[in-house]
Amino acid sequence: MNGLPLFPTTTVGSFPKPPYLLEARRKRLRGQIEPEQLRQLEEQATREWIQRQEELGLDVFVDGEMYRGDMVAYFADEMEGFAIAGLVRSYGNRYYPKPVVVGPVGRRRPITVEWFRFAQSLTGKPVKGMLTGPYTIAEWSFNEYYPTRRELVLELARAIHEEAVDLERAGARFIQIDEPAIHTRPDEDFDLAREAMEIVTDGLSAYTITHVCYGDVPRIYPRMLDLPVHQIDLALKNEDFALLEVFRQHRFTKDIGLGVIDAHSHRVETAEEVLDGIRRSLEVFEPRQVYVSPDCGLKTRTIDETVGKLAAMVEGARRAREELGAG
């Protein structure tokens, strides 16, 4: 397990942006500050989140995505072949910029590598390389160029593969490929999503993860076990671990990123709740399969809520280790 303790603690990727950064991003949209000024504040916020993760005692860090807005639009903005159509409602009162494919897609340059290097330079703990998967980028974009979805998805997969290779060369020991849209059309083209992931992870030696948040996981299980990654990270807490009943019916053969913190609730969980979730998971998984994480990214929570939730998660995992004599 890459030298990690039992029940390694980590997060899914995003953290809330501090008020000074949110204000700076608004000013940048209005042309009131220069890109260099915004970059300095993004770096400051990244340092703060790395420091918080150190203080909390997490095992595998993320950079917090202080430089990103939407997970798909960020990659579309940085790649060839995209334009932005406008804002589309995601859920509640949250909107995201809708990308449009208007030409051949591909990388202009490395997208996330510089930020990974910066975050990794701030800590001796491993920092995950964080990528949005090709299937999700295609699913959450309008395609006005490629004759078929398949052509678009596979071309995006080749571009994301290049980024993954560059992250590994930069020292990333963990690479996460987020595919929240992977269960959107399970009966139509789940095989396409699997083929795309095969391209993304081909030849990598890093520990690979895919995050699939919420959605109808039972419709793609056990086929999701064919995804060529080491770990599948899933939301379990928000539905009181109901997915465990699905996994009892067919053995889960990969590592599990066990969502024990509800990322969509303002309530801060207790360490005892986290411990209970881990205990329940051990009825289905072997201890060495289990990584402990929130259900999803925490960017919609406040900073205080996020710190409280993560503190409970770390303490719950510590207690679980003690119970198994691995503390």
C-alpha atoms as a PDB file:
ATOM      1  CA  MET A   1       0.000   0.000   0.000  1.00  0.00           C
ATOM      2  CA  ASN A   2       2.791   2.401  -0.940  1.00  0.00           C
ATOM      3  CA  GLY A   3       4.143   2.575   2.615  1.00  0.00           C
ATOM      4  CA  LEU A   4       0.859   3.932   3.990  1.00  0.00           C
ATOM      5  CA  PRO A   5      -0.846   2.892   7.226  1.00  0.00           C
ATOM      6  CA  LEU A   6      -3.942   0.736   7.366  1.00  0.00           C
ATOM      7  CA  PHE A   7      -7.028   2.732   6.323  1.00  0.00           C
ATOM      8  CA  PRO A   8      -5.088   5.576   4.646  1.00  0.00           C
ATOM      9  CA  THR A   9      -6.940   8.877   4.796  1.00  0.00           C
ATOM     10  CA  THR A  10      -7.260  11.147   1.788  1.00  0.00           C
ATOM     11  CA  THR A  11      -9.785  13.433   0.075  1.00  0.00           C
ATOM     12  CA  VAL A  12     -11.458  13.471  -3.303  1.00  0.00           C
ATOM     13  CA  GLY A  13      -9.856  16.644  -4.629  1.00  0.00           C
ATOM     14  CA  SER A  14     -11.478  20.022  -4.088  1.00  0.00           C
ATOM     15  CA  PHE A  15     -11.556  22.223  -0.986  1.00  0.00           C
ATOM     16  CA  PRO A  16     -13.454  25.471  -0.386  1.00  0.00           C
ATOM     17  CA  LYS A  17     -11.742  28.619  -1.594  1.00  0.00           C
ATOM     18  CA  PRO A  18     -11.044  31.285   1.041  1.00  0.00           C
ATOM     19  CA  PRO A  19     -13.010  34.543   0.733  1.00  0.00           C
ATOM     20  CA  TYR A  20      -9.980  36.530  -0.454  1.00  0.00           C
ATOM     21  CA  LEU A  21      -9.526  34.135  -3.375  1.00  0.00           C
ATOM     22  CA  LEU A  22     -13.203  34.138  -4.331  1.00  0.00           C
ATOM     23  CA  GLU A  23     -13.117  37.935  -4.417  1.00  0.00           C
ATOM     24  CA  ALA A  24      -9.914  37.914  -6.473  1.00  0.00           C
ATOM     25  CA  ARG A  25     -11.455  35.534  -9.000  1.00  0.00           C
ATOM     26  CA  ARG A  26     -14.461  37.856  -9.363  1.00  0.00           C
ATOM     27  CA  LYS A  27     -12.146  40.827  -9.858  1.00  0.00           C
ATOM     28  CA  ARG A  28     -10.166  38.922 -12.485  1.00  0.00           C
ATOM     29  CA  LEU A  29     -13.377  38.275 -14.454  1.00  0.00           C
ATOM     30  CA  ARG A  30     -13.986  42.034 -14.426  1.00  0.00           C
ATOM     31  CA  GLY A  31     -10.396  42.761 -15.413  1.00  0.00           C
ATOM     32  CA  GLN A  32      -9.653  44.496 -12.114  1.00  0.00           C
ATOM     33  CA  ILE A  33      -6.550  42.491 -11.222  1.00  0.00           C
ATOM     34  CA  GLU A  34      -3.765  40.969 -13.301  1.00  0.00           C
ATOM     35  CA  PRO A  35      -3.309  37.196 -13.808  1.00  0.00           C
ATOM     36  CA  GLU A  36      -0.069  37.306 -11.802  1.00  0.00           C
ATOM     37  CA  GLN A  37      -1.886  38.732  -8.787  1.00  0.00           C
ATOM     38  CA  LEU A  38      -4.523  36.006  -8.976  1.00  0.00           C
ATOM     39  CA  ARG A  39      -1.830  33.358  -9.295  1.00  0.00           C
ATOM     40  CA  GLN A  40      -0.120  34.579  -6.124  1.00  0.00           C
ATOM     41  CA  LEU A  41      -3.373  34.273  -4.188  1.00  0.00           C
ATOM     42  CA  GLU A  42      -4.053  30.805  -5.619  1.00  0.00           C
ATOM     43  CA  GLU A  43      -0.605  29.757  -4.435  1.00  0.00           C
ATOM     44  CA  GLN A  44      -1.268  31.253  -1.006  1.00  0.00           C
ATOM     45  CA  ALA A  45      -4.537  29.319  -0.689  1.00  0.00           C
ATOM     46  CA  THR A  46      -2.811  26.115  -1.831  1.00  0.00           C
ATOM     47  CA  ARG A  47      -0.134  26.557   0.847  1.00  0.00           C
ATOM     48  CA  GLU A  48      -2.843  27.016   3.459  1.00  0.00           C
ATOM     49  CA  TRP A  49      -4.616  23.798   2.462  1.00  0.00           C
ATOM     50  CA  ILE A  50      -1.392  21.796   2.367  1.00  0.00           C
ATOM     51  CA  GLN A  51      -0.633  23.085   5.869  1.00  0.00           C
ATOM     52  CA  ARG A  52      -4.123  22.165   7.087  1.00  0.00           C
ATOM     53  CA  GLN A  53      -3.720  18.635   5.741  1.00  0.00           C
ATOM     54  CA  GLU A  54      -0.378  18.367   7.562  1.00  0.00           C
ATOM     55  CA  GLU A  55      -1.974  19.547  10.807  1.00  0.00           C
ATOM     56  CA  LEU A  56      -4.943  17.204  10.417  1.00  0.00           C
ATOM     57  CA  GLY A  57      -2.686  14.231   9.744  1.00  0.00           C
ATOM     58  CA  LEU A  58      -4.019  13.010   6.405  1.00  0.00           C
ATOM     59  CA  ASP A  59      -1.970  10.391   4.605  1.00  0.00           C
ATOM     60  CA  VAL A  60      -2.430  11.269   0.915  1.00  0.00           C
ATOM     61  CA  PHE A  61      -2.870  14.956   0.084  1.00  0.00           C
ATOM     62  CA  VAL A  62      -4.529  16.920  -2.700  1.00  0.00           C
ATOM     63  CA  ASP A  63      -3.674  20.442  -3.811  1.00  0.00           C
ATOM     64  CA  GLY A  64      -7.256  21.582  -3.148  1.00  0.00           C
ATOM     65  CA  GLU A  65      -7.840  22.887  -6.701  1.00  0.00           C
ATOM     66  CA  MET A  66      -7.616  26.551  -5.730  1.00  0.00           C
ATOM     67  CA  TYR A  67      -6.831  27.394  -9.365  1.00  0.00           C
ATOM     68  CA  ARG A  68      -9.850  25.575 -10.829  1.00  0.00           C
ATOM     69  CA  GLY A  69     -13.493  26.470 -11.199  1.00  0.00           C
ATOM     70  CA  ASP A  70     -15.565  23.688 -12.733  1.00  0.00           C
ATOM     71  CA  MET A  71     -13.874  20.298 -13.139  1.00  0.00           C
ATOM     72  CA  VAL A  72     -14.715  20.018 -16.848  1.00  0.00           C
ATOM     73  CA  ALA A  73     -14.512  23.659 -17.944  1.00  0.00           C
ATOM     74  CA  TYR A  74     -11.038  23.945 -16.404  1.00  0.00           C
ATOM     75  CA  PHE A  75      -9.696  21.252 -18.739  1.00  0.00           C
ATOM     76  CA  ALA A  76     -11.686  22.567 -21.697  1.00  0.00           C
ATOM     77  CA  ASP A  77     -10.198  26.037 -21.173  1.00  0.00           C
ATOM     78  CA  GLU A  78      -6.701  24.588 -21.212  1.00  0.00           C
ATOM     79  CA  MET A  79      -7.147  22.339 -24.260  1.00  0.00           C
ATOM     80  CA  GLU A  80      -7.397  22.821 -28.006  1.00  0.00           C
ATOM     81  CA  GLY A  81     -10.743  22.376 -29.713  1.00  0.00           C
ATOM     82  CA  PHE A  82     -13.101  23.867 -27.100  1.00  0.00           C
ATOM     83  CA  ALA A  83     -15.214  26.993 -26.721  1.00  0.00           C
ATOM     84  CA  ILE A  84     -17.492  27.903 -23.812  1.00  0.00           C
ATOM     85  CA  ALA A  85     -21.216  28.240 -24.632  1.00  0.00           C
ATOM     86  CA  GLY A  86     -22.434  29.765 -21.365  1.00  0.00           C
ATOM     87  CA  LEU A  87     -23.705  28.738 -17.935  1.00  0.00           C
ATOM     88  CA  VAL A  88     -25.743  25.577 -17.401  1.00  0.00           C
ATOM     89  CA  ARG A  89     -27.482  24.661 -14.155  1.00  0.00           C
ATOM     90  CA  SER A  90     -25.864  21.733 -12.362  1.00  0.00           C
ATOM     91  CA  TYR A  91     -27.912  21.334  -9.174  1.00  0.00           C
ATOM     92  CA  GLY A  92     -29.589  23.703  -6.735  1.00  0.00           C
ATOM     93  CA  ASN A  93     -28.364  27.207  -7.496  1.00  0.00           C
ATOM     94  CA  ARG A  94     -25.015  26.040  -8.843  1.00  0.00           C
ATOM     95  CA  TYR A  95     -24.035  26.571 -12.475  1.00  0.00           C
ATOM     96  CA  TYR A  96     -21.077  25.606 -14.590  1.00  0.00           C
ATOM     97  CA  PRO A  97     -19.710  26.870 -17.917  1.00  0.00           C
ATOM     98  CA  LYS A  98     -20.740  24.460 -20.675  1.00  0.00           C
ATOM     99  CA  PRO A  99     -17.868  23.587 -23.041  1.00  0.00           C
ATOM    100  CA  VAL A 100     -18.465  23.063 -26.750  1.00  0.00           C
ATOM    101  CA  VAL A 101     -16.199  20.930 -28.929  1.00  0.00           C
ATOM    102  CA  VAL A 102     -15.590  22.984 -32.073  1.00  0.00           C
ATOM    103  CA  GLY A 103     -12.413  21.394 -33.441  1.00  0.00           C
ATOM    104  CA  PRO A 104      -9.837  18.624 -32.894  1.00  0.00           C
ATOM    105  CA  VAL A 105      -9.236  18.259 -29.150  1.00  0.00           C
ATOM    106  CA  GLY A 106      -5.788  17.939 -27.599  1.00  0.00           C
ATOM    107  CA  ARG A 107      -3.343  19.471 -25.171  1.00  0.00           C
ATOM    108  CA  ARG A 108      -1.555  22.704 -25.886  1.00  0.00           C
ATOM    109  CA  ARG A 109       0.839  22.006 -23.013  1.00  0.00           C
ATOM    110  CA  PRO A 110       0.775  20.188 -19.646  1.00  0.00           C
ATOM    111  CA  ILE A 111      -2.327  21.288 -17.752  1.00  0.00           C
ATOM    112  CA  THR A 112      -1.901  20.298 -14.105  1.00  0.00           C
ATOM    113  CA  VAL A 113       1.773  19.386 -13.803  1.00  0.00           C
ATOM    114  CA  GLU A 114       3.038  22.781 -12.629  1.00  0.00           C
ATOM    115  CA  TRP A 115       0.438  22.925  -9.879  1.00  0.00           C
ATOM    116  CA  PHE A 116       1.213  19.344  -8.835  1.00  0.00           C
ATOM    117  CA  ARG A 117       4.914  20.176  -8.570  1.00  0.00           C
ATOM    118  CA  PHE A 118       4.142  23.273  -6.520  1.00  0.00           C
ATOM    119  CA  ALA A 119       1.896  21.403  -4.075  1.00  0.00           C
ATOM    120  CA  GLN A 120       4.280  18.461  -3.776  1.00  0.00           C
ATOM    121  CA  SER A 121       7.151  20.830  -2.992  1.00  0.00           C
ATOM    122  CA  LEU A 122       5.265  21.957   0.130  1.00  0.00           C
ATOM    123  CA  THR A 123       5.029  18.551   1.812  1.00  0.00           C
ATOM    124  CA  GLY A 124       6.768  15.240   2.253  1.00  0.00           C
ATOM    125  CA  LYS A 125       3.416  13.430   2.045  1.00  0.00           C
ATOM    126  CA  PRO A 126       2.303  12.175  -1.380  1.00  0.00           C
ATOM    127  CA  VAL A 127       0.068  14.557  -3.331  1.00  0.00           C
ATOM    128  CA  LYS A 128      -2.386  13.107  -5.835  1.00  0.00           C
ATOM    129  CA  GLY A 129      -2.345  14.121  -9.451  1.00  0.00           C
ATOM    130  CA  MET A 130      -5.958  15.082 -10.223  1.00  0.00           C
ATOM    131  CA  LEU A 131      -7.523  14.672 -13.666  1.00  0.00           C
ATOM    132  CA  THR A 132     -11.038  14.822 -15.066  1.00  0.00           C
ATOM    133  CA  GLY A 133     -11.697  11.741 -17.148  1.00  0.00           C
ATOM    134  CA  PRO A 134     -12.358  11.767 -20.889  1.00  0.00           C
ATOM    135  CA  TYR A 135     -15.825  10.248 -20.659  1.00  0.00           C
ATOM    136  CA  THR A 136     -17.017  12.952 -18.265  1.00  0.00           C
ATOM    137  CA  ILE A 137     -15.448  15.769 -20.292  1.00  0.00           C
ATOM    138  CA  ALA A 138     -17.266  14.492 -23.384  1.00  0.00           C
ATOM    139  CA  GLU A 139     -20.567  13.848 -21.593  1.00  0.00           C
ATOM    140  CA  TRP A 140     -20.666  17.306 -20.042  1.00  0.00           C
ATOM    141  CA  SER A 141     -19.769  19.111 -23.268  1.00  0.00           C
ATOM    142  CA  PHE A 142     -21.649  19.804 -26.499  1.00  0.00           C
ATOM    143  CA  ASN A 143     -20.042  18.007 -29.446  1.00  0.00           C
ATOM    144  CA  GLU A 144     -20.243  20.057 -32.622  1.00  0.00           C
ATOM    145  CA  TYR A 145     -17.207  18.621 -34.369  1.00  0.00           C
ATOM    146  CA  TYR A 146     -16.705  14.851 -34.114  1.00  0.00           C
ATOM    147  CA  PRO A 147     -19.057  12.592 -36.124  1.00  0.00           C
ATOM    148  CA  THR A 148     -19.486  10.219 -33.140  1.00  0.00           C
ATOM    149  CA  ARG A 149     -19.210  10.327 -29.356  1.00  0.00           C
ATOM    150  CA  ARG A 150     -16.745   7.459 -29.534  1.00  0.00           C
ATOM    151  CA  GLU A 151     -14.267   9.456 -31.608  1.00  0.00           C
ATOM    152  CA  LEU A 152     -14.483  12.378 -29.196  1.00  0.00           C
ATOM    153  CA  VAL A 153     -14.127  10.256 -26.051  1.00  0.00           C
ATOM    154  CA  LEU A 154     -11.124   8.325 -27.347  1.00  0.00           C
ATOM    155  CA  GLU A 155      -9.352  11.451 -28.590  1.00  0.00           C
ATOM    156  CA  LEU A 156      -9.866  13.027 -25.166  1.00  0.00           C
ATOM    157  CA  ALA A 157      -8.548   9.835 -23.577  1.00  0.00           C
ATOM    158  CA  ARG A 158      -5.316  10.160 -25.519  1.00  0.00           C
ATOM    159  CA  ALA A 159      -4.909  13.752 -24.328  1.00  0.00           C
ATOM    160  CA  ILE A 160      -5.605  12.863 -20.678  1.00  0.00           C
ATOM    161  CA  HIS A 161      -3.165   9.953 -20.979  1.00  0.00           C
ATOM    162  CA  GLU A 162      -0.437  12.388 -22.015  1.00  0.00           C
ATOM    163  CA  GLU A 163      -1.219  14.465 -18.934  1.00  0.00           C
ATOM    164  CA  ALA A 164      -1.111  11.383 -16.689  1.00  0.00           C
ATOM    165  CA  VAL A 165       2.272  10.383 -18.095  1.00  0.00           C
ATOM    166  CA  ASP A 166       3.626  13.884 -17.450  1.00  0.00           C
ATOM    167  CA  LEU A 167       2.294  13.791 -13.870  1.00  0.00           C
ATOM    168  CA  GLU A 168       4.022  10.482 -13.269  1.00  0.00           C
ATOM    169  CA  ARG A 169       7.271  11.847 -14.680  1.00  0.00           C
ATOM    170  CA  ALA A 170       6.903  14.814 -12.309  1.00  0.00           C
ATOM    171  CA  GLY A 171       6.790  12.398  -9.369  1.00  0.00           C
ATOM    172  CA  ALA A 172       3.085  11.679  -8.828  1.00  0.00           C
ATOM    173  CA  ARG A 173       2.728   8.348  -7.022  1.00  0.00           C
ATOM    174  CA  PHE A 174      -1.078   8.589  -7.023  1.00  0.00           C
ATOM    175  CA  ILE A 175      -3.147   9.684 -10.037  1.00  0.00           C
ATOM    176  CA  GLN A 176      -6.919  10.103  -9.786  1.00  0.00           C
ATOM    177  CA  ILE A 177      -9.110  10.202 -12.881  1.00  0.00           C
ATOM    178  CA  ASP A 178     -12.556  11.556 -11.977  1.00  0.00           C
ATOM    179  CA  GLU A 179     -15.438  10.019 -13.940  1.00  0.00           C
ATOM    180  CA  PRO A 180     -18.680  11.126 -12.252  1.00  0.00           C
ATOM    181  CA  ALA A 181     -20.585  10.797 -15.537  1.00  0.00           C
ATOM    182  CA  ILE A 182     -19.584   7.184 -16.094  1.00  0.00           C
ATOM    183  CA  HIS A 183     -23.015   5.835 -15.112  1.00  0.00           C
ATOM    184  CA  THR A 184     -24.945   8.306 -17.300  1.00  0.00           C
ATOM    185  CA  ARG A 185     -25.486   5.843 -20.167  1.00  0.00           C
ATOM    186  CA  PRO A 186     -24.597   2.462 -18.664  1.00  0.00           C
ATOM    187  CA  ASP A 187     -26.626   0.353 -21.077  1.00  0.00           C
ATOM    188  CA  GLU A 188     -25.541   2.355 -24.113  1.00  0.00           C
ATOM    189  CA  ASP A 189     -21.782   2.755 -23.822  1.00  0.00           C
ATOM    190  CA  PHE A 190     -20.201   1.732 -20.518  1.00  0.00           C
ATOM    191  CA  ASP A 191     -17.735  -0.254 -22.638  1.00  0.00           C
ATOM    192  CA  LEU A 192     -16.659   3.030 -24.232  1.00  0.00           C
ATOM    193  CA  ALA A 193     -15.923   4.485 -20.800  1.00  0.00           C
ATOM    194  CA  ARG A 194     -13.863   1.401 -19.944  1.00  0.00           C
ATOM    195  CA  GLU A 195     -11.956   1.590 -23.241  1.00  0.00           C
ATOM    196  CA  ALA A 196     -11.191   5.251 -22.617  1.00  0.00           C
ATOM    197  CA  MET A 197      -9.857   4.483 -19.138  1.00  0.00           C
ATOM    198  CA  GLU A 198      -7.631   1.779 -20.635  1.00  0.00           C
ATOM    199  CA  ILE A 199      -6.059   4.451 -22.839  1.00  0.00           C
ATOM    200  CA  VAL A 200      -5.637   6.901 -19.941  1.00  0.00           C
ATOM    201  CA  THR A 201      -3.909   4.425 -17.605  1.00  0.00           C
ATOM    202  CA  ASP A 202      -1.942   2.466 -20.205  1.00  0.00           C
ATOM    203  CA  GLY A 203       1.663   1.958 -19.098  1.00  0.00           C
ATOM    204  CA  LEU A 204       1.382   3.942 -15.862  1.00  0.00           C
ATOM    205  CA  SER A 205       3.206   2.647 -12.800  1.00  0.00           C
ATOM    206  CA  ALA A 206       1.524   5.118 -10.402  1.00  0.00           C
ATOM    207  CA  TYR A 207      -1.330   3.953  -8.177  1.00  0.00           C
ATOM    208  CA  THR A 208      -4.476   4.872 -10.127  1.00  0.00           C
ATOM    209  CA  ILE A 209      -7.889   5.830  -8.777  1.00  0.00           C
ATOM    210  CA  THR A 210     -11.185   6.701 -10.368  1.00  0.00           C
ATOM    211  CA  HIS A 211     -13.810   8.650  -8.458  1.00  0.00           C
ATOM    212  CA  VAL A 212     -17.447   7.968  -9.314  1.00  0.00           C
ATOM    213  CA  CYS A 213     -19.650  10.219  -7.180  1.00  0.00           C
ATOM    214  CA  TYR A 214     -23.295   9.450  -6.489  1.00  0.00           C
ATOM    215  CA  GLY A 215     -25.438   8.244  -9.401  1.00  0.00           C
ATOM    216  CA  ASP A 216     -26.817   4.763 -10.056  1.00  0.00           C
ATOM    217  CA  VAL A 217     -23.772   2.676  -9.181  1.00  0.00           C
ATOM    218  CA  PRO A 218     -25.745  -0.634  -9.037  1.00  0.00           C
ATOM    219  CA  ARG A 219     -26.458  -0.285 -12.780  1.00  0.00           C
ATOM    220  CA  ILE A 220     -22.748  -0.469 -13.593  1.00  0.00           C
ATOM    221  CA  TYR A 221     -21.777  -3.016 -10.953  1.00  0.00           C
ATOM    222  CA  PRO A 222     -19.964  -5.397 -11.244  1.00  0.00           C
ATOM    223  CA  ARG A 223     -18.917  -4.153 -14.695  1.00  0.00           C
ATOM    224  CA  MET A 224     -17.165  -1.195 -13.050  1.00  0.00           C
ATOM    225  CA  LEU A 225     -14.625  -3.678 -11.700  1.00  0.00           C
ATOM    226  CA  ASP A 226     -13.305  -3.971 -15.269  1.00  0.00           C
ATOM    227  CA  LEU A 227     -12.054  -0.381 -15.146  1.00  0.00           C
ATOM    228  CA  PRO A 228      -8.230  -0.574 -15.324  1.00  0.00           C
ATOM    229  CA  VAL A 229      -7.453   1.268 -12.081  1.00  0.00           C
ATOM    230  CA  HIS A 230      -6.241   0.165  -8.658  1.00  0.00           C
ATOM    231  CA  GLN A 231      -9.004   1.864  -6.685  1.00  0.00           C
ATOM    232  CA  ILE A 232     -12.605   2.951  -7.200  1.00  0.00           C
ATOM    233  CA  ASP A 233     -13.631   5.817  -4.924  1.00  0.00           C
ATOM    234  CA  LEU A 234     -17.351   5.901  -4.110  1.00  0.00           C
ATOM    235  CA  ALA A 235     -19.878   7.874  -2.054  1.00  0.00           C
ATOM    236  CA  LEU A 236     -21.325   5.650   0.671  1.00  0.00           C
ATOM    237  CA  LYS A 237     -22.099   7.920   3.608  1.00  0.00           C
ATOM    238  CA  ASN A 238     -24.889   9.950   1.983  1.00  0.00           C
ATOM    239  CA  GLU A 239     -27.024   6.803   1.522  1.00  0.00           C
ATOM    240  CA  ASP A 240     -26.042   5.219   4.831  1.00  0.00           C
ATOM    241  CA  PHE A 241     -23.734   2.671   3.186  1.00  0.00           C
ATOM    242  CA  ALA A 242     -26.556   1.055   1.173  1.00  0.00           C
ATOM    243  CA  LEU A 243     -24.042   0.124  -1.540  1.00  0.00           C
ATOM    244  CA  LEU A 244     -22.506  -2.438   0.794  1.00  0.00           C
ATOM    245  CA  GLU A 245     -25.513  -4.683   0.087  1.00  0.00           C
ATOM    246  CA  VAL A 246     -24.711  -4.487  -3.636  1.00  0.00           C
ATOM    247  CA  PHE A 247     -21.112  -5.454  -3.000  1.00  0.00           C
ATOM    248  CA  ARG A 248     -22.138  -8.456  -0.896  1.00  0.00           C
ATOM    249  CA  GLN A 249     -23.664  -9.998  -4.018  1.00  0.00           C
ATOM    250  CA  HIS A 250     -20.439  -9.858  -6.047  1.00  0.00           C
ATOM    251  CA  ARG A 251     -17.006  -9.525  -4.473  1.00  0.00           C
ATOM    252  CA  PHE A 252     -15.364  -6.114  -4.849  1.00  0.00           C
ATOM    253  CA  THR A 253     -11.984  -6.966  -6.354  1.00  0.00           C
ATOM    254  CA  LYS A 254     -10.277  -3.563  -6.233  1.00  0.00           C
ATOM    255  CA  ASP A 255      -9.317  -1.189  -3.449  1.00  0.00           C
ATOM    256  CA  ILE A 256     -12.220   0.977  -2.309  1.00  0.00           C
ATOM    257  CA  GLY A 257     -12.139   4.694  -1.637  1.00  0.00           C
ATOM    258  CA  LEU A 258     -14.693   4.525   1.163  1.00  0.00           C
ATOM    259  CA  GLY A 259     -16.796   7.682   1.366  1.00  0.00           C
ATOM    260  CA  VAL A 260     -17.444   8.164   5.094  1.00  0.00           C
ATOM    261  CA  ILE A 261     -18.153  11.931   5.105  1.00  0.00           C
ATOM    262  CA  ASP A 262     -21.233  13.473   3.458  1.00  0.00           C
ATOM    263  CA  ALA A 263     -19.861  16.191   1.187  1.00  0.00           C
ATOM    264  CA  HIS A 264     -23.328  17.714   0.620  1.00  0.00           C
ATOM    265  CA  SER A 265     -24.243  18.147   4.298  1.00  0.00           C
ATOM    266  CA  HIS A 266     -23.299  21.057   6.527  1.00  0.00           C
ATOM    267  CA  ARG A 267     -23.378  18.775   9.555  1.00  0.00           C
ATOM    268  CA  VAL A 268     -19.948  17.778  10.839  1.00  0.00           C
ATOM    269  CA  GLU A 269     -19.740  14.050  11.435  1.00  0.00           C
ATOM    270  CA  THR A 270     -18.240  12.545  14.578  1.00  0.00           C
ATOM    271  CA  ALA A 271     -15.215  10.263  14.745  1.00  0.00           C
ATOM    272  CA  GLU A 272     -17.544   7.541  16.076  1.00  0.00           C
ATOM    273  CA  GLU A 273     -19.685   7.786  12.917  1.00  0.00           C
ATOM    274  CA  VAL A 274     -16.584   7.402  10.767  1.00  0.00           C
ATOM    275  CA  LEU A 275     -15.430   4.432  12.840  1.00  0.00           C
ATOM    276  CA  ASP A 276     -18.872   2.837  12.485  1.00  0.00           C
ATOM    277  CA  GLY A 277     -18.733   3.255   8.700  1.00  0.00           C
ATOM    278  CA  ILE A 278     -15.328   1.588   8.539  1.00  0.00           C
ATOM    279  CA  ARG A 279     -16.531  -1.254  10.768  1.00  0.00           C
ATOM    280  CA  ARG A 280     -19.530  -1.833   8.522  1.00  0.00           C
ATOM    281  CA  SER A 281     -17.337  -1.830   5.420  1.00  0.00           C
ATOM    282  CA  LEU A 282     -15.175  -4.603   6.875  1.00  0.00           C
ATOM    283  CA  GLU A 283     -18.135  -6.953   6.556  1.00  0.00           C
ATOM    284  CA  VAL A 284     -17.552  -6.692   2.803  1.00  0.00           C
ATOM    285  CA  PHE A 285     -13.932  -5.589   2.262  1.00  0.00           C
ATOM    286  CA  GLU A 286     -10.588  -6.759   3.544  1.00  0.00           C
ATOM    287  CA  PRO A 287      -8.934  -4.099   5.727  1.00  0.00           C
ATOM    288  CA  ARG A 288      -6.114  -3.582   3.230  1.00  0.00           C
ATOM    289  CA  GLN A 289      -8.625  -2.720   0.497  1.00  0.00           C
ATOM    290  CA  VAL A 290      -9.974   0.321   2.330  1.00  0.00           C
ATOM    291  CA  TYR A 291      -8.902   3.938   1.848  1.00  0.00           C
ATOM    292  CA  VAL A 292     -10.940   6.461   3.850  1.00  0.00           C
ATOM    293  CA  SER A 293     -12.244   9.649   2.224  1.00  0.00           C
ATOM    294  CA  PRO A 294     -15.236  11.999   1.944  1.00  0.00           C
ATOM    295  CA  ASP A 295     -18.034  11.099  -0.473  1.00  0.00           C
ATOM    296  CA  CYS A 296     -16.991  13.808  -2.928  1.00  0.00           C
ATOM    297  CA  GLY A 297     -15.058  17.048  -3.198  1.00  0.00           C
ATOM    298  CA  LEU A 298     -15.615  19.471  -0.319  1.00  0.00           C
ATOM    299  CA  LYS A 299     -15.532  22.763  -2.215  1.00  0.00           C
ATOM    300  CA  THR A 300     -19.203  23.485  -1.423  1.00  0.00           C
ATOM    301  CA  ARG A 301     -18.618  23.334   2.360  1.00  0.00           C
ATOM    302  CA  THR A 302     -17.212  26.137   4.489  1.00  0.00           C
ATOM    303  CA  ILE A 303     -13.594  25.989   5.567  1.00  0.00           C
ATOM    304  CA  ASP A 304     -14.594  25.315   9.189  1.00  0.00           C
ATOM    305  CA  GLU A 305     -16.980  22.539   8.147  1.00  0.00           C
ATOM    306  CA  THR A 306     -14.307  20.980   5.958  1.00  0.00           C
ATOM    307  CA  VAL A 307     -11.684  21.027   8.716  1.00  0.00           C
ATOM    308  CA  GLY A 308     -14.159  19.580  11.204  1.00  0.00           C
ATOM    309  CA  LYS A 309     -15.232  16.814   8.871  1.00  0.00           C
ATOM    310  CA  LEU A 310     -11.652  15.872   8.007  1.00  0.00           C
ATOM    311  CA  ALA A 311     -10.584  15.904  11.662  1.00  0.00           C
ATOM    312  CA  ALA A 312     -13.382  13.433  12.443  1.00  0.00           C
ATOM    313  CA  MET A 313     -12.379  11.290   9.476  1.00  0.00           C
ATOM    314  CA  VAL A 314      -8.724  11.111  10.531  1.00  0.00           C
ATOM    315  CA  GLU A 315      -9.646  10.320  14.143  1.00  0.00           C
ATOM    316  CA  GLY A 316     -12.149   7.656  13.070  1.00  0.00           C
ATOM    317  CA  ALA A 317      -9.531   5.962  10.902  1.00  0.00           C
ATOM    318  CA  ARG A 318      -7.030   6.101  13.767  1.00  0.00           C
ATOM    319  CA  ARG A 319      -9.513   4.372  16.080  1.00  0.00           C
ATOM    320  CA  ALA A 320     -10.201   1.722  13.434  1.00  0.00           C
ATOM    321  CA  ARG A 321      -6.477   0.969  13.231  1.00  0.00           C
ATOM    322  CA  GLU A 322      -6.315   0.648  17.001  1.00  0.00           C
ATOM    323  CA  GLU A 323      -9.223  -1.807  17.025  1.00  0.00           C
ATOM    324  CA  LEU A 324      -7.324  -4.031  14.620  1.00  0.00           C
ATOM    325  CA  GLY A 325      -4.064  -3.651  16.516  1.00  0.00           C
ATOM    326  CA  ALA A 326      -2.497  -1.658  13.683  1.00  0.00           C
ATOM    327  CA  GLY A 327      -2.388   1.728  15.387  1.00  0.00           C
END
